[in-house]
Amino acid sequence: MTFKKAENVREALPFFGADQLLVETDSRYLAPVAYRGQRNEHAYVVEVAARVAVELGCEPGEIARLSRESFFRFFAKVRA
C-alpha cells in the first residue's frame, strides 16, 4: 500500500467497502516506506492504515475502527 509501485493495490480500494478491509503488515521484509530496510513490525500497521485513509479520503482512526470490526466479523465466521 505504501510503496510507490503499488498503484495497482491502491487502485483496487474503491472496489471494496471500507467496512470490508483488514489492514495488516504480513511480511517480515516488506516494511512500509517510512521503515524500508528495517524488519517489519506489527506497530507499522499504523502507516498502512494512514495510507488507506488517504486513498479513501477519511481519517486513519476510521480505518482502524472499520478494520477492527472486519477482523472480528471475519474470525467469528471462521470459528462458527
C-alpha atoms as a PDB file:
ATOM      1  CA  MET A   1       0.000   0.000   0.000  1.00  0.00           C
ATOM      2  CA  THR A   2       2.791   2.456   0.858  1.00  0.00           C
ATOM      3  CA  PHE A   3       5.216   1.540  -1.926  1.00  0.00           C
ATOM      4  CA  LYS A   4       5.423   3.869  -4.912  1.00  0.00           C
ATOM      5  CA  LYS A   5       4.929   0.960  -7.343  1.00  0.00           C
ATOM      6  CA  ALA A   6       1.852  -0.400  -5.509  1.00  0.00           C
ATOM      7  CA  GLU A   7      -0.518   1.666  -7.616  1.00  0.00           C
ATOM      8  CA  ASN A   8      -2.443  -1.479  -8.574  1.00  0.00           C
ATOM      9  CA  VAL A   9      -3.174  -2.139  -4.903  1.00  0.00           C
ATOM     10  CA  ARG A  10      -4.339   1.430  -4.324  1.00  0.00           C
ATOM     11  CA  GLU A  11      -6.497   1.327  -7.463  1.00  0.00           C
ATOM     12  CA  ALA A  12      -8.367  -1.700  -6.072  1.00  0.00           C
ATOM     13  CA  LEU A  13      -9.516   0.080  -2.893  1.00  0.00           C
ATOM     14  CA  PRO A  14     -12.632   1.733  -4.364  1.00  0.00           C
ATOM     15  CA  PHE A  15     -13.974  -1.677  -5.400  1.00  0.00           C
ATOM     16  CA  PHE A  16     -14.338  -2.692  -1.757  1.00  0.00           C
ATOM     17  CA  GLY A  17     -16.266  -1.021   1.000  1.00  0.00           C
ATOM     18  CA  ALA A  18     -14.099   0.367   3.778  1.00  0.00           C
ATOM     19  CA  ASP A  19     -16.046  -1.944   6.094  1.00  0.00           C
ATOM     20  CA  GLN A  20     -14.612  -4.970   4.225  1.00  0.00           C
ATOM     21  CA  LEU A  21     -10.949  -4.150   4.783  1.00  0.00           C
ATOM     22  CA  LEU A  22      -8.441  -5.852   7.012  1.00  0.00           C
ATOM     23  CA  VAL A  23      -5.330  -3.735   7.496  1.00  0.00           C
ATOM     24  CA  GLU A  24      -2.213  -5.646   8.418  1.00  0.00           C
ATOM     25  CA  THR A  25       1.520  -5.969   7.871  1.00  0.00           C
ATOM     26  CA  ASP A  26       2.190  -9.504   6.766  1.00  0.00           C
ATOM     27  CA  SER A  27       5.753  -9.709   5.608  1.00  0.00           C
ATOM     28  CA  ARG A  28       8.829  -9.585   7.752  1.00  0.00           C
ATOM     29  CA  TYR A  29      10.832  -7.939   4.962  1.00  0.00           C
ATOM     30  CA  LEU A  30       8.270  -5.559   3.443  1.00  0.00           C
ATOM     31  CA  ALA A  31       8.130  -2.748   5.960  1.00  0.00           C
ATOM     32  CA  PRO A  32       6.154   0.375   4.954  1.00  0.00           C
ATOM     33  CA  VAL A  33       8.076   3.043   3.046  1.00  0.00           C
ATOM     34  CA  ALA A  34       8.944   5.043   6.160  1.00  0.00           C
ATOM     35  CA  TYR A  35      10.743   1.957   7.531  1.00  0.00           C
ATOM     36  CA  ARG A  36      12.217   0.449   4.346  1.00  0.00           C
ATOM     37  CA  GLY A  37      15.311  -1.605   5.027  1.00  0.00           C
ATOM     38  CA  GLN A  38      14.191  -2.483   8.540  1.00  0.00           C
ATOM     39  CA  ARG A  39      12.464  -5.598   9.763  1.00  0.00           C
ATOM     40  CA  ASN A  40       8.710  -5.131   9.588  1.00  0.00           C
ATOM     41  CA  GLU A  41       6.936  -4.734  12.924  1.00  0.00           C
ATOM     42  CA  HIS A  42       3.259  -5.054  13.843  1.00  0.00           C
ATOM     43  CA  ALA A  43       3.304  -1.455  15.057  1.00  0.00           C
ATOM     44  CA  TYR A  44       3.866  -0.291  11.469  1.00  0.00           C
ATOM     45  CA  VAL A  45       0.291  -1.191  10.606  1.00  0.00           C
ATOM     46  CA  VAL A  46      -0.443   2.420  11.569  1.00  0.00           C
ATOM     47  CA  GLU A  47       1.442   3.525   8.437  1.00  0.00           C
ATOM     48  CA  VAL A  48      -0.604   1.203   6.247  1.00  0.00           C
ATOM     49  CA  ALA A  49      -3.889   2.379   7.778  1.00  0.00           C
ATOM     50  CA  ALA A  50      -2.855   6.001   7.309  1.00  0.00           C
ATOM     51  CA  ARG A  51      -2.218   5.408   3.598  1.00  0.00           C
ATOM     52  CA  VAL A  52      -5.539   3.591   3.195  1.00  0.00           C
ATOM     53  CA  ALA A  53      -7.243   6.559   4.860  1.00  0.00           C
ATOM     54  CA  VAL A  54      -5.586   8.996   2.450  1.00  0.00           C
ATOM     55  CA  GLU A  55      -6.641   6.904  -0.530  1.00  0.00           C
ATOM     56  CA  LEU A  56     -10.239   6.641   0.689  1.00  0.00           C
ATOM     57  CA  GLY A  57     -10.466  10.243   1.895  1.00  0.00           C
ATOM     58  CA  CYS A  58     -11.166   9.544   5.559  1.00  0.00           C
ATOM     59  CA  GLU A  59      -9.399   9.654   8.906  1.00  0.00           C
ATOM     60  CA  PRO A  60      -6.933   6.924   9.979  1.00  0.00           C
ATOM     61  CA  GLY A  61      -8.983   6.328  13.136  1.00  0.00           C
ATOM     62  CA  GLU A  62     -11.987   5.468  10.982  1.00  0.00           C
ATOM     63  CA  ILE A  63      -9.924   2.932   9.035  1.00  0.00           C
ATOM     64  CA  ALA A  64      -8.673   1.454  12.304  1.00  0.00           C
ATOM     65  CA  ARG A  65     -12.217   1.108  13.626  1.00  0.00           C
ATOM     66  CA  LEU A  66     -13.540  -0.428  10.417  1.00  0.00           C
ATOM     67  CA  SER A  67     -10.610  -2.817  10.113  1.00  0.00           C
ATOM     68  CA  ARG A  68     -11.039  -3.939  13.731  1.00  0.00           C
ATOM     69  CA  GLU A  69     -14.743  -4.596  13.150  1.00  0.00           C
ATOM     70  CA  SER A  70     -13.954  -6.530   9.952  1.00  0.00           C
ATOM     71  CA  PHE A  71     -11.422  -8.620  11.861  1.00  0.00           C
ATOM     72  CA  PHE A  72     -13.966  -9.681  14.459  1.00  0.00           C
ATOM     73  CA  ARG A  73     -16.663 -10.363  11.844  1.00  0.00           C
ATOM     74  CA  PHE A  74     -14.267 -12.490   9.790  1.00  0.00           C
ATOM     75  CA  PHE A  75     -12.972 -14.557  12.710  1.00  0.00           C
ATOM     76  CA  ALA A  76     -16.475 -15.007  14.155  1.00  0.00           C
ATOM     77  CA  LYS A  77     -17.380 -16.673  10.833  1.00  0.00           C
ATOM     78  CA  VAL A  78     -14.219 -18.785  10.854  1.00  0.00           C
ATOM     79  CA  ARG A  79     -14.969 -20.106  14.345  1.00  0.00           C
ATOM     80  CA  ALA A  80     -18.612 -20.845  13.552  1.00  0.00           C
END
